[in-house]
Structure formats: structure tokens, C-alpha cells
Amino acid sequence: MAQEHLDRLSSVDAGFLHMEDGTDAHMHIGGIGIFEGPPLAEDDLFDHIGRRLQLVPRFRQKLAFPPLNTGRPLWVDDPCFNLHYHVRRTALPSPGSDEQLYRLVSRVFSQRLDRTKPLWELWIVEGLAEGRWAFATKTHHALVDGVGGIDILTALLDLTREAREVPPDTWVPRPEPSNLDLLRRGMEGIIRSAADLAGDTLRGLLQPQDAAGEVANRALGVAELLRAYAFPAPQTPLNHKPGPHRNYAVVPEQLSEFKEIRRTLGGTLNDIVLTVVAGGLRRFLADHGAYVDELAVRCLVPMSIRTKDGRAAAGNQIVVLVSRLFVDIEDPMERLARTHVEMDRLKAGRQAVGARTMTQMENFAPPNVLAQAARLGFSSRLYNLLITNVPGPQFPVYMMGRELLAAYPVAFLAPEHTLAVAILSYNGQITISLIGDADALPDIDKLAGHIDDSLHELLAAARASTPGSP
């Protein structure tokens, strides 16, 4: 008997699959959690994770592709699901350093996920100094976005040392659909898309004044987005085809320092993060011979449109904005002021409306057109590097009684991009993490050092501008 309920990937989710077809652009994201010791016992660990999987049912589903390319893939239960395949245990030579952990993460994220299985892995890493241990999550972007990833991770975590009660797991996989079932669902998807389009047209005929205003607003938004394609991003050392291997580095900072800058100089925390990254990148690109005083770098900034009701749902609920990154400005205070103006311009503009409209249009596109649209949306013509900022909880969380001491995000590299930046705040800390192509950026740790210097340069400027500051 075929599955009655088959969830279809959205156009955004399917786009992330198309992005890595035949390339070394691995479209998985994840994070690192470092915990106090002692490490978890094997049986307790698997029992804990196994029980919590009922809270995230998509993690026991795999991809199914309709025959004849009749629609986007669907999620189906994996009848051969094996938790021991997805949860892997390893160790560093004790006492392992954070740098050794980052090298391990670099290797883990260099490997593409097996598309015949549920698209995630969880690596347990023992042997860290001071009795600590860590986990590294690795999840395909088709399965979850950054904000949703934080929510799904909380399925494994608790607000107190005492783990919350979870009912016994009674999951039984539903039978896999036949090719005929998949073909039927593919045709249903085409018919439903046509019906949705017809419904939108009918509503426009019945409410012409409202429809005209909505169409005009969307058209202006799409035009604003298309202007970014018309004037391509500059050529930089960061933009060429990445290889299969990755380098990972972390810039751990204190959230209080960012808040001090905000109180003194204004702007948002996101403005300050972009300013600090731009300052570090300016120095790094100058080291590599770039003429940074005239380099107008563009960054892609994902924006969550996830509602409170959908916070625990899998899948992507994001649009992306293209922003100027002011690596050409040497003075840190001027760089922050220009960044604040730029972000206010984006928020007041229609680029987000345009991005959402383009995404909705892609829902009606056949798979081959969707694949081309996905590659265009992440091309180096549009932007030079990804910068994504995900807020985390500002209080300690626990896994089976062990406190999470630090949390670091991991982003992805799209084709023609050799660097991506991810930011995560947690319990008074803010971490700027870097993932790069190992061949193009063998010295990614130097960029991490430049970003740290950039933060403290801006902090010193803020303190100098306030009499009596330390």
C-alpha cells in the first residue's frame, strides 16, 4: 500500500539539491556543540537520540524522485532507516585542541551526503582537552534552513540538566510508494500548480484594485532584484569553482563587546557583524594583492520568513537579500555608518518582496527550469560571499545533563564561491565561523585573525569616542 501523505520539496528546498548536481558545491549546513564532560555512554546516547527523532520526523525520511521528471522530489519514509549509520562516533588524540576539532570538521564537511538515505549525520567527538566532548551536525540545506536548524537541534537539547520526558517511540515506516504512485503525485503537483495560478488570476479579476497594487509592488521588487543581476558583482580572489575539500575556522567573541559598540555608535548587531567581517576581509584581500580601496564587494544575506507557528518545521523558509559589503572603507566607524545606511535601505526597499515573488514563481517551474534558476540565484554574478546570521538561545542548554559550553555554525559553499561566513549567538557568546575551499584558502585562519582584529579596532574606536570609557 502506498503512502497516502507524501510531502513535496518546495522550490527553495529543491533548488539546494540542484545546486550541487555534478559539482563540488556541497549544500549541507550544520554546527558544532562543545559540551562539558564526561562523554555520554554509547547505549544512553543512542537511546536519547532515537527517542527524540519522533520530534523531527523528516530525519527518518529520504528523497523520492517522480519518474519522467514530472515534478519536484518528495519526502518518503526510509524503511531501512538505521540510526547507527547517521550517528557516528570518533575521538581526537587526547588532549585534543579546538584546532584539531576544526580540522576534523573540515574533513567531515568535505564529504557529500548520501542522497539515497535521510540527509543528515551527527558526529560525536571525544577526547577534547579538559574532559570536554563535542558533536558536529551535518544536514542538507534541502532539509532545513539555519533558523529551523536551531529549532530542530533543540529536539536533542533541554533547558535543564534533567532531560524532559519524551513518550516511547512507536514509529513504523510507511511502505515506499511505487513509481506509479510517484508519477501520480508528480502529475497532481503540476495540476495543483496550475490551479493555484488560475486561482490567483481569478482573484485578480474579482478584486482588480487590490490585485493591481499587489502586482505593481511585486513588479517593483523583482525589478530591484534584477538590477543586481544587470550590474554584476566585482571579480575577487574569492570567486572561482571550489574543489571538494574544505577548511574551517572559528572566531569566538563575547556578545557584550558587540552590544557595547551598539550602545556607543548605534546600528544593529547585524550591522556591526557585517562591519567587522568587512574589516577583516579588507585586510585579508589586501594580503592577497587585491586593490581593496576600490573593491565594492557584495554579500548574500539570507532572511528568515519563518513564523512562530512554523519554527519547528523542516524545510526552508527564507528569502535572500543582496547587500554591499564595505571592504573599500578603511575607517571602522565610517564603515559601520555606511553599513547601517545600506541595511536600512534594504529593509525599506522591495528587494525582499521581489525575492519572495521569484521564489513563488519557481514553484510553478518544471525541474529543469528550476535547476537553472537555482544556479542563477547563487551565481558569482549576483554576490561574492554568503554571510548568514542565526540567533541562538541566550541561556545555557543541556544534553543528558551536560551543559553546552559553546556553539559554532557551519555554512556552505555555492558554485563559484570559495568562502562563506556564518554567525551564531549563544549564551553571551557570538561566533563568526568561516568555511572555505581548502586549496583556495589554505590560510583561512589568517582571515579569522583579521576579523578578530577588526572587531577590537571598532571596539577601541567606540571607546575612544566616549569620554571616560576604559
Protein backbone atom coordinates (compact mmCIF):
# COMPACT_ATOMS: atom_id res chain seq x y z
CA MET A 1 0.00 0.00 0.00
CA ALA A 2 1.46 3.37 -0.99
CA GLN A 3 1.99 6.22 1.39
CA GLU A 4 -1.05 8.48 1.49
CA HIS A 5 0.90 11.51 2.65
CA LEU A 6 3.92 12.49 0.60
CA ASP A 7 5.47 15.89 1.25
CA ARG A 8 6.87 17.61 -1.80
CA LEU A 9 10.01 19.72 -1.57
CA SER A 10 9.41 23.42 -2.02
CA SER A 11 11.12 25.17 -4.92
CA VAL A 12 13.72 26.56 -2.48
CA ASP A 13 14.42 23.12 -0.99
CA ALA A 14 14.70 21.53 -4.44
CA GLY A 15 16.94 24.37 -5.55
CA PHE A 16 19.54 23.38 -2.96
CA LEU A 17 19.60 19.88 -4.44
CA HIS A 18 20.10 21.23 -7.95
CA MET A 19 22.95 23.45 -6.75
CA GLU A 20 25.27 20.53 -6.07
CA ASP A 21 24.41 18.37 -9.08
CA GLY A 22 27.70 17.40 -10.67
CA THR A 23 29.74 19.94 -8.70
CA ASP A 24 31.88 20.13 -5.58
CA ALA A 25 29.49 22.64 -4.01
CA HIS A 26 28.23 20.55 -1.08
CA MET A 27 24.97 22.10 0.06
CA HIS A 28 24.94 20.88 3.64
CA ILE A 29 24.99 23.10 6.71
CA GLY A 30 25.47 22.33 10.37
CA GLY A 31 27.12 23.27 13.59
CA ILE A 32 29.44 22.26 16.38
CA GLY A 33 28.42 21.96 20.00
CA ILE A 34 31.11 21.66 22.69
CA PHE A 35 29.95 20.11 25.98
CA GLU A 36 31.31 19.66 29.45
CA GLY A 37 32.35 16.13 30.36
CA PRO A 38 32.14 13.30 30.81
CA PRO A 39 31.12 11.98 27.37
CA LEU A 40 27.87 10.05 27.03
CA ALA A 41 27.73 6.28 27.27
CA GLU A 42 27.05 4.59 23.94
CA ASP A 43 23.71 2.96 24.84
CA ASP A 44 22.41 6.09 26.59
CA LEU A 45 23.38 8.26 23.64
CA PHE A 46 21.55 6.18 21.03
CA ASP A 47 18.51 5.76 23.27
CA HIS A 48 18.33 9.53 23.76
CA ILE A 49 18.67 10.36 20.06
CA GLY A 50 16.34 7.56 19.00
CA ARG A 51 13.55 8.79 21.28
CA ARG A 52 13.94 12.42 20.18
CA LEU A 53 13.71 11.62 16.46
CA GLN A 54 9.93 11.40 16.78
CA LEU A 55 10.06 15.19 17.31
CA VAL A 56 11.69 15.65 13.87
CA PRO A 57 10.04 13.05 11.60
CA ARG A 58 11.72 14.39 8.46
CA PHE A 59 15.03 13.00 9.79
CA ARG A 60 13.77 9.47 9.06
CA GLN A 61 12.70 10.28 5.53
CA LYS A 62 14.61 10.14 2.27
CA LEU A 63 14.18 11.59 -1.20
CA ALA A 64 11.98 10.01 -3.84
CA PHE A 65 12.06 11.30 -7.43
CA PRO A 66 8.96 11.15 -9.67
CA PRO A 67 9.53 9.32 -12.98
CA LEU A 68 9.91 11.26 -16.21
CA ASN A 69 10.97 14.38 -14.30
CA THR A 70 7.29 15.19 -13.66
CA GLY A 71 7.85 17.28 -10.57
CA ARG A 72 9.98 18.16 -7.58
CA PRO A 73 11.19 15.31 -5.33
CA LEU A 74 9.14 14.10 -2.39
CA TRP A 75 9.96 13.00 1.15
CA VAL A 76 9.13 9.36 1.94
CA ASP A 77 9.79 7.20 4.99
CA ASP A 78 13.03 5.23 4.82
CA PRO A 79 12.12 1.58 5.52
CA CYS A 80 15.80 0.78 6.07
CA PHE A 81 16.47 3.64 8.47
CA ASN A 82 19.46 2.83 10.70
CA LEU A 83 20.34 5.29 13.45
CA HIS A 84 23.86 3.86 13.72
CA TYR A 85 24.54 4.92 10.13
CA HIS A 86 23.65 8.55 10.84
CA VAL A 87 25.21 8.89 14.32
CA ARG A 88 28.96 8.34 14.19
CA ARG A 89 31.47 8.37 16.99
CA THR A 90 35.12 9.35 16.79
CA ALA A 91 37.84 10.80 19.02
CA LEU A 92 40.77 13.18 18.92
CA PRO A 93 44.13 12.12 20.39
CA SER A 94 43.67 13.32 23.97
CA PRO A 95 44.01 16.08 24.96
CA GLY A 96 42.54 17.29 21.69
CA SER A 97 42.70 21.00 20.88
CA ASP A 98 40.00 23.14 19.31
CA GLU A 99 42.18 23.45 16.20
CA GLN A 100 42.23 19.65 15.85
CA LEU A 101 38.45 19.65 16.16
CA TYR A 102 38.21 22.23 13.36
CA ARG A 103 40.40 20.07 11.12
CA LEU A 104 38.12 17.10 11.77
CA VAL A 105 35.07 19.22 10.92
CA SER A 106 36.83 20.31 7.71
CA ARG A 107 37.15 16.67 6.66
CA VAL A 108 33.58 15.76 7.65
CA PHE A 109 32.15 18.67 5.66
CA SER A 110 34.26 17.79 2.61
CA GLN A 111 32.13 14.68 2.02
CA ARG A 112 28.81 14.84 0.23
CA LEU A 113 25.78 13.30 1.96
CA ASP A 114 24.39 10.06 0.50
CA ARG A 115 21.18 11.01 -1.31
CA THR A 116 19.76 7.50 -1.02
CA LYS A 117 19.39 7.97 2.75
CA PRO A 118 17.98 10.64 5.07
CA LEU A 119 20.16 13.70 4.51
CA TRP A 120 21.89 14.17 7.85
CA GLU A 121 24.74 12.98 10.06
CA LEU A 122 25.65 13.60 13.69
CA TRP A 123 29.28 13.12 14.71
CA ILE A 124 30.14 12.61 18.39
CA VAL A 125 33.74 13.66 19.08
CA GLU A 126 35.52 12.65 22.28
CA GLY A 127 39.00 13.43 23.56
CA LEU A 128 38.86 17.23 23.81
CA ALA A 129 41.03 18.88 26.44
CA GLU A 130 39.60 19.45 29.93
CA GLY A 131 37.38 16.39 29.64
CA ARG A 132 35.10 18.05 27.09
CA TRP A 133 33.41 16.39 24.13
CA ALA A 134 31.59 17.72 21.07
CA PHE A 135 29.12 16.92 18.39
CA ALA A 136 29.06 18.10 14.80
CA THR A 137 25.75 18.17 12.95
CA LYS A 138 25.65 17.94 9.17
CA THR A 139 22.30 18.40 7.43
CA HIS A 140 21.47 19.05 3.79
CA HIS A 141 20.09 22.53 3.17
CA ALA A 142 17.17 20.92 1.30
CA LEU A 143 16.07 19.53 4.66
CA VAL A 144 16.33 22.63 6.85
CA ASP A 145 17.37 26.28 6.88
CA GLY A 146 19.56 27.95 9.50
CA VAL A 147 16.80 29.13 11.83
CA GLY A 148 14.89 25.87 11.51
CA GLY A 149 18.14 24.01 12.16
CA ILE A 150 18.45 25.71 15.53
CA ASP A 151 14.91 24.65 16.39
CA ILE A 152 15.46 21.05 15.25
CA LEU A 153 18.67 20.86 17.25
CA THR A 154 16.64 21.70 20.34
CA ALA A 155 14.90 18.36 19.93
CA LEU A 156 18.09 16.85 21.33
CA LEU A 157 18.68 19.56 23.93
CA ASP A 158 16.93 20.53 27.17
CA LEU A 159 16.56 23.70 29.22
CA THR A 160 17.68 21.98 32.43
CA ARG A 161 20.15 19.29 33.35
CA GLU A 162 17.22 16.95 33.85
CA ALA A 163 16.06 15.73 30.45
CA ARG A 164 12.39 16.26 29.66
CA GLU A 165 10.18 13.21 29.31
CA VAL A 166 9.53 12.00 25.78
CA PRO A 167 6.97 9.23 25.06
CA PRO A 168 8.24 5.89 23.79
CA ASP A 169 8.91 5.93 20.07
CA THR A 170 6.29 3.96 18.13
CA TRP A 171 7.44 4.94 14.64
CA VAL A 172 6.80 2.40 11.90
CA PRO A 173 7.87 3.35 8.38
CA ARG A 174 5.12 3.60 5.83
CA PRO A 175 5.64 1.49 2.68
CA GLU A 176 7.61 3.10 -0.09
CA PRO A 177 5.50 4.48 -2.95
CA SER A 178 5.68 2.75 -6.31
CA ASN A 179 6.81 4.51 -9.48
CA LEU A 180 3.15 4.77 -10.44
CA ASP A 181 2.38 6.48 -7.11
CA LEU A 182 5.26 8.92 -7.63
CA LEU A 183 4.15 9.62 -11.19
CA ARG A 184 0.62 10.27 -9.96
CA ARG A 185 1.87 12.67 -7.28
CA GLY A 186 4.05 14.41 -9.84
CA MET A 187 1.06 14.98 -12.12
CA GLU A 188 -1.03 16.11 -9.15
CA GLY A 189 1.66 18.68 -8.36
CA ILE A 190 1.52 20.04 -11.91
CA ILE A 191 -2.28 20.25 -11.79
CA ARG A 192 -2.23 21.89 -8.36
CA SER A 193 0.29 24.50 -9.51
CA ALA A 194 -1.90 25.30 -12.50
CA ALA A 195 -4.95 25.55 -10.23
CA ASP A 196 -3.12 27.87 -7.83
CA LEU A 197 -2.09 30.08 -10.74
CA ALA A 198 -5.65 30.13 -12.07
CA GLY A 199 -6.95 30.98 -8.59
CA ASP A 200 -4.57 33.91 -8.31
CA THR A 201 -5.72 35.12 -11.72
CA LEU A 202 -9.40 34.81 -10.75
CA ARG A 203 -8.85 36.73 -7.51
CA GLY A 204 -7.17 39.43 -9.55
CA LEU A 205 -10.24 39.69 -11.81
CA LEU A 206 -12.64 39.85 -8.87
CA GLN A 207 -10.55 42.37 -6.91
CA PRO A 208 -8.82 44.41 -9.62
CA GLN A 209 -7.79 47.37 -7.46
CA ASP A 210 -6.14 45.23 -4.78
CA ALA A 211 -4.57 42.99 -7.38
CA ALA A 212 -3.17 45.94 -9.33
CA GLY A 213 -1.45 47.31 -6.24
CA GLU A 214 -0.04 43.90 -5.33
CA VAL A 215 1.19 43.26 -8.87
CA ALA A 216 2.86 46.69 -9.02
CA ASN A 217 4.57 46.15 -5.67
CA ARG A 218 5.82 42.73 -6.73
CA ALA A 219 6.97 44.02 -10.11
CA LEU A 220 8.98 46.79 -8.47
CA GLY A 221 10.50 44.24 -6.09
CA VAL A 222 11.52 41.92 -8.93
CA ALA A 223 12.95 44.88 -10.86
CA GLU A 224 15.04 45.87 -7.84
CA LEU A 225 16.39 42.33 -7.60
CA LEU A 226 17.08 42.10 -11.33
CA ARG A 227 19.17 45.27 -11.18
CA ALA A 228 21.64 43.30 -9.09
CA TYR A 229 21.98 40.80 -11.97
CA ALA A 230 22.30 43.59 -14.54
CA PHE A 231 25.32 45.04 -12.72
CA PRO A 232 27.44 42.01 -11.78
CA ALA A 233 29.42 41.70 -8.58
CA PRO A 234 33.14 42.52 -8.92
CA GLN A 235 35.75 39.89 -9.61
CA THR A 236 37.56 38.92 -6.41
CA PRO A 237 40.02 36.18 -5.38
CA LEU A 238 37.04 34.55 -3.63
CA ASN A 239 35.11 33.69 -6.77
CA HIS A 240 36.01 30.61 -8.74
CA LYS A 241 34.96 26.98 -8.74
CA PRO A 242 35.65 25.32 -5.37
CA GLY A 243 37.22 21.90 -5.09
CA PRO A 244 35.87 19.09 -2.89
CA HIS A 245 37.91 19.88 0.23
CA ARG A 246 37.11 22.38 2.96
CA ASN A 247 38.91 24.46 5.58
CA TYR A 248 37.07 25.59 8.71
CA ALA A 249 37.96 28.30 11.21
CA VAL A 250 36.22 29.96 14.14
CA VAL A 251 36.32 33.48 15.59
CA PRO A 252 34.85 33.20 19.13
CA GLU A 253 33.85 36.53 20.65
CA GLN A 254 31.79 37.95 23.51
CA LEU A 255 28.34 39.32 22.71
CA SER A 256 28.87 42.05 25.32
CA GLU A 257 31.53 43.69 23.12
CA PHE A 258 29.12 43.93 20.18
CA LYS A 259 26.46 45.38 22.47
CA GLU A 260 28.95 47.96 23.79
CA ILE A 261 29.65 49.08 20.23
CA ARG A 262 25.91 49.29 19.53
CA ARG A 263 25.27 51.42 22.62
CA THR A 264 28.06 53.83 21.69
CA LEU A 265 27.89 54.01 17.89
CA GLY A 266 24.35 52.84 17.11
CA GLY A 267 23.25 50.39 14.45
CA THR A 268 22.07 46.84 14.94
CA LEU A 269 24.07 43.81 15.97
CA ASN A 270 23.83 42.57 12.38
CA ASP A 271 25.24 45.90 11.13
CA ILE A 272 28.19 45.52 13.48
CA VAL A 273 28.82 41.93 12.42
CA LEU A 274 28.85 42.92 8.74
CA THR A 275 31.19 45.82 9.53
CA VAL A 276 33.60 43.58 11.42
CA VAL A 277 33.62 40.94 8.68
CA ALA A 278 34.21 43.63 6.06
CA GLY A 279 37.18 44.97 8.02
CA GLY A 280 38.75 41.54 8.36
CA LEU A 281 38.13 40.72 4.72
CA ARG A 282 39.69 44.04 3.66
CA ARG A 283 42.97 43.10 5.34
CA PHE A 284 42.86 39.53 4.06
CA LEU A 285 42.21 40.51 0.44
CA ALA A 286 44.96 43.14 0.66
CA ASP A 287 47.32 40.38 1.80
CA HIS A 288 46.41 38.56 -1.42
CA GLY A 289 47.18 41.52 -3.64
CA ALA A 290 43.67 42.91 -4.17
CA TYR A 291 43.28 46.68 -4.56
CA VAL A 292 40.73 46.95 -1.77
CA ASP A 293 40.21 50.73 -1.83
CA GLU A 294 38.07 50.38 -4.95
CA LEU A 295 36.57 46.94 -4.34
CA ALA A 296 32.77 47.03 -3.94
CA VAL A 297 32.17 43.51 -2.59
CA ARG A 298 28.63 42.12 -2.46
CA CYS A 299 27.32 39.68 0.09
CA LEU A 300 24.22 37.50 0.11
CA VAL A 301 22.27 37.80 3.37
CA PRO A 302 19.52 35.18 3.94
CA MET A 303 16.47 36.50 5.78
CA SER A 304 14.12 34.16 7.62
CA ILE A 305 10.38 34.46 6.89
CA ARG A 306 9.62 31.61 9.30
CA THR A 307 6.65 32.32 11.55
CA LYS A 308 6.34 31.29 15.19
CA ASP A 309 3.89 28.56 14.16
CA GLY A 310 6.46 27.14 11.75
CA ARG A 311 9.57 27.40 13.87
CA ALA A 312 9.93 23.63 14.35
CA ALA A 313 9.02 22.73 10.77
CA ALA A 314 11.60 21.30 8.40
CA GLY A 315 12.31 22.86 5.03
CA ASN A 316 13.48 26.31 4.02
CA GLN A 317 11.50 29.44 4.79
CA ILE A 318 13.94 32.12 3.67
CA VAL A 319 14.48 34.82 1.10
CA VAL A 320 17.86 36.26 0.26
CA LEU A 321 18.96 39.89 0.04
CA VAL A 322 21.99 41.28 -1.77
CA SER A 323 23.93 43.87 0.21
CA ARG A 324 27.05 45.95 -0.30
CA LEU A 325 29.94 44.94 1.94
CA PHE A 326 32.16 47.96 2.54
CA VAL A 327 35.62 46.42 2.35
CA ASP A 328 36.73 49.59 0.49
CA ILE A 329 36.36 51.77 3.61
CA GLU A 330 39.35 51.75 5.95
CA ASP A 331 37.93 53.74 8.88
CA PRO A 332 35.88 51.32 11.06
CA MET A 333 33.38 53.95 12.28
CA GLU A 334 32.68 55.19 8.76
CA ARG A 335 32.33 51.57 7.62
CA LEU A 336 29.71 50.94 10.33
CA ALA A 337 27.79 54.10 9.45
CA ARG A 338 27.68 53.17 5.75
CA THR A 339 26.65 49.60 6.59
CA HIS A 340 23.80 50.85 8.77
CA VAL A 341 22.52 53.08 5.94
CA GLU A 342 22.78 50.20 3.45
CA MET A 343 20.84 47.77 5.64
CA ASP A 344 18.15 50.37 6.35
CA ARG A 345 17.86 50.88 2.59
CA LEU A 346 17.37 47.17 2.03
CA LYS A 347 14.77 46.89 4.78
CA ALA A 348 12.84 49.86 3.39
CA GLY A 349 13.15 48.65 -0.21
CA ARG A 350 11.27 45.99 -2.14
CA GLN A 351 14.10 43.52 -2.64
CA ALA A 352 12.60 41.07 -0.13
CA VAL A 353 9.23 41.28 -1.92
CA GLY A 354 10.99 40.62 -5.20
CA ALA A 355 12.91 37.66 -3.79
CA ARG A 356 9.73 36.15 -2.37
CA THR A 357 7.92 36.67 -5.69
CA MET A 358 10.73 34.95 -7.60
CA THR A 359 10.57 32.04 -5.17
CA GLN A 360 6.81 31.72 -5.61
CA MET A 361 7.20 31.80 -9.39
CA GLU A 362 9.73 28.96 -9.15
CA ASN A 363 7.02 26.80 -7.54
CA PHE A 364 5.34 26.68 -10.98
CA ALA A 365 8.55 25.90 -12.86
CA PRO A 366 9.43 22.45 -14.25
CA PRO A 367 12.52 20.80 -12.69
CA ASN A 368 14.94 21.72 -15.49
CA VAL A 369 13.92 25.39 -15.35
CA LEU A 370 14.08 25.32 -11.55
CA ALA A 371 17.63 23.96 -11.70
CA GLN A 372 18.75 26.85 -13.92
CA ALA A 373 17.00 29.38 -11.67
CA ALA A 374 18.69 27.94 -8.58
CA ARG A 375 22.14 28.20 -10.14
CA LEU A 376 21.46 31.76 -11.26
CA GLY A 377 20.32 32.72 -7.75
CA PHE A 378 23.63 31.59 -6.24
CA SER A 379 25.97 32.68 -9.03
CA SER A 380 29.06 34.82 -8.55
CA ARG A 381 27.45 37.36 -10.86
CA LEU A 382 25.00 38.14 -8.04
CA TYR A 383 27.28 38.08 -4.99
CA ASN A 384 30.83 37.39 -3.80
CA LEU A 385 30.24 35.64 -0.49
CA LEU A 386 27.45 34.41 1.76
CA ILE A 387 27.05 35.91 5.25
CA THR A 388 24.32 34.30 7.36
CA ASN A 389 23.43 35.29 10.91
CA VAL A 390 21.38 32.96 13.14
CA PRO A 391 20.28 33.93 16.66
CA GLY A 392 20.61 31.22 19.30
CA PRO A 393 19.35 30.99 22.89
CA GLN A 394 20.86 33.41 25.40
CA PHE A 395 20.79 30.89 28.24
CA PRO A 396 22.54 27.55 28.81
CA VAL A 397 21.08 24.37 27.35
CA TYR A 398 21.95 20.75 28.08
CA MET A 399 22.19 17.31 26.55
CA MET A 400 21.62 14.49 29.02
CA GLY A 401 22.84 16.66 31.90
CA ARG A 402 25.93 18.03 30.12
CA GLU A 403 25.97 21.79 29.57
CA LEU A 404 26.54 23.12 26.09
CA LEU A 405 29.59 25.35 26.59
CA ALA A 406 29.92 26.76 23.06
CA ALA A 407 28.11 26.54 19.72
CA TYR A 408 29.61 27.23 16.29
CA PRO A 409 27.75 27.29 12.94
CA VAL A 410 28.89 25.84 9.61
CA ALA A 411 27.74 27.36 6.29
CA PHE A 412 28.03 26.05 2.71
CA LEU A 413 29.94 26.94 -0.45
CA ALA A 414 27.88 27.56 -3.57
CA PRO A 415 29.45 27.07 -7.03
CA GLU A 416 31.98 29.80 -7.90
CA HIS A 417 32.41 30.73 -4.24
CA THR A 418 35.36 29.78 -2.04
CA LEU A 419 34.31 31.43 1.24
CA ALA A 420 31.14 31.59 3.34
CA VAL A 421 30.60 33.18 6.76
CA ALA A 422 28.12 32.08 9.42
CA ILE A 423 27.38 33.83 12.71
CA LEU A 424 25.67 32.30 15.75
CA SER A 425 25.00 33.83 19.15
CA TYR A 426 24.59 31.62 22.23
CA ASN A 427 24.54 32.36 25.96
CA GLY A 428 26.54 35.58 25.88
CA GLN A 429 28.88 34.43 23.11
CA ILE A 430 28.89 35.28 19.41
CA THR A 431 30.83 33.15 16.99
CA ILE A 432 31.85 34.07 13.46
CA SER A 433 32.73 30.88 11.61
CA LEU A 434 34.42 30.56 8.23
CA ILE A 435 34.27 27.74 5.75
CA GLY A 436 36.42 27.90 2.65
CA ASP A 437 37.82 25.88 -0.19
CA ALA A 438 40.95 24.20 1.16
CA ASP A 439 43.01 24.89 -1.97
CA ALA A 440 41.89 28.49 -2.47
CA LEU A 441 42.06 29.43 1.23
CA PRO A 442 44.75 27.35 2.92
CA ASP A 443 45.34 30.32 5.24
CA ILE A 444 41.74 30.76 6.39
CA ASP A 445 42.99 31.02 9.98
CA LYS A 446 44.64 34.32 8.99
CA LEU A 447 41.25 35.66 7.91
CA ALA A 448 39.89 34.60 11.31
CA GLY A 449 42.65 36.60 12.98
CA HIS A 450 41.93 39.66 10.82
CA ILE A 451 38.23 39.53 11.75
CA ASP A 452 39.13 39.41 15.44
CA ASP A 453 41.44 42.41 14.92
CA SER A 454 38.66 44.22 13.07
CA LEU A 455 36.25 43.78 15.98
CA HIS A 456 38.71 45.12 18.53
CA GLU A 457 39.66 48.02 16.25
CA LEU A 458 35.97 49.02 16.10
CA LEU A 459 35.59 48.49 19.84
CA ALA A 460 38.61 50.70 20.53
CA ALA A 461 37.19 53.39 18.25
CA ALA A 462 33.86 53.23 20.08
CA ARG A 463 35.56 53.55 23.47
CA ALA A 464 37.75 56.41 22.26
CA SER A 465 34.66 58.30 21.15
CA THR A 466 33.16 58.12 24.66
CA PRO A 467 34.92 60.12 27.40
CA GLY A 468 35.70 58.06 30.48
CA SER A 469 35.48 54.71 28.68
CA PRO A 470 38.10 52.06 29.55
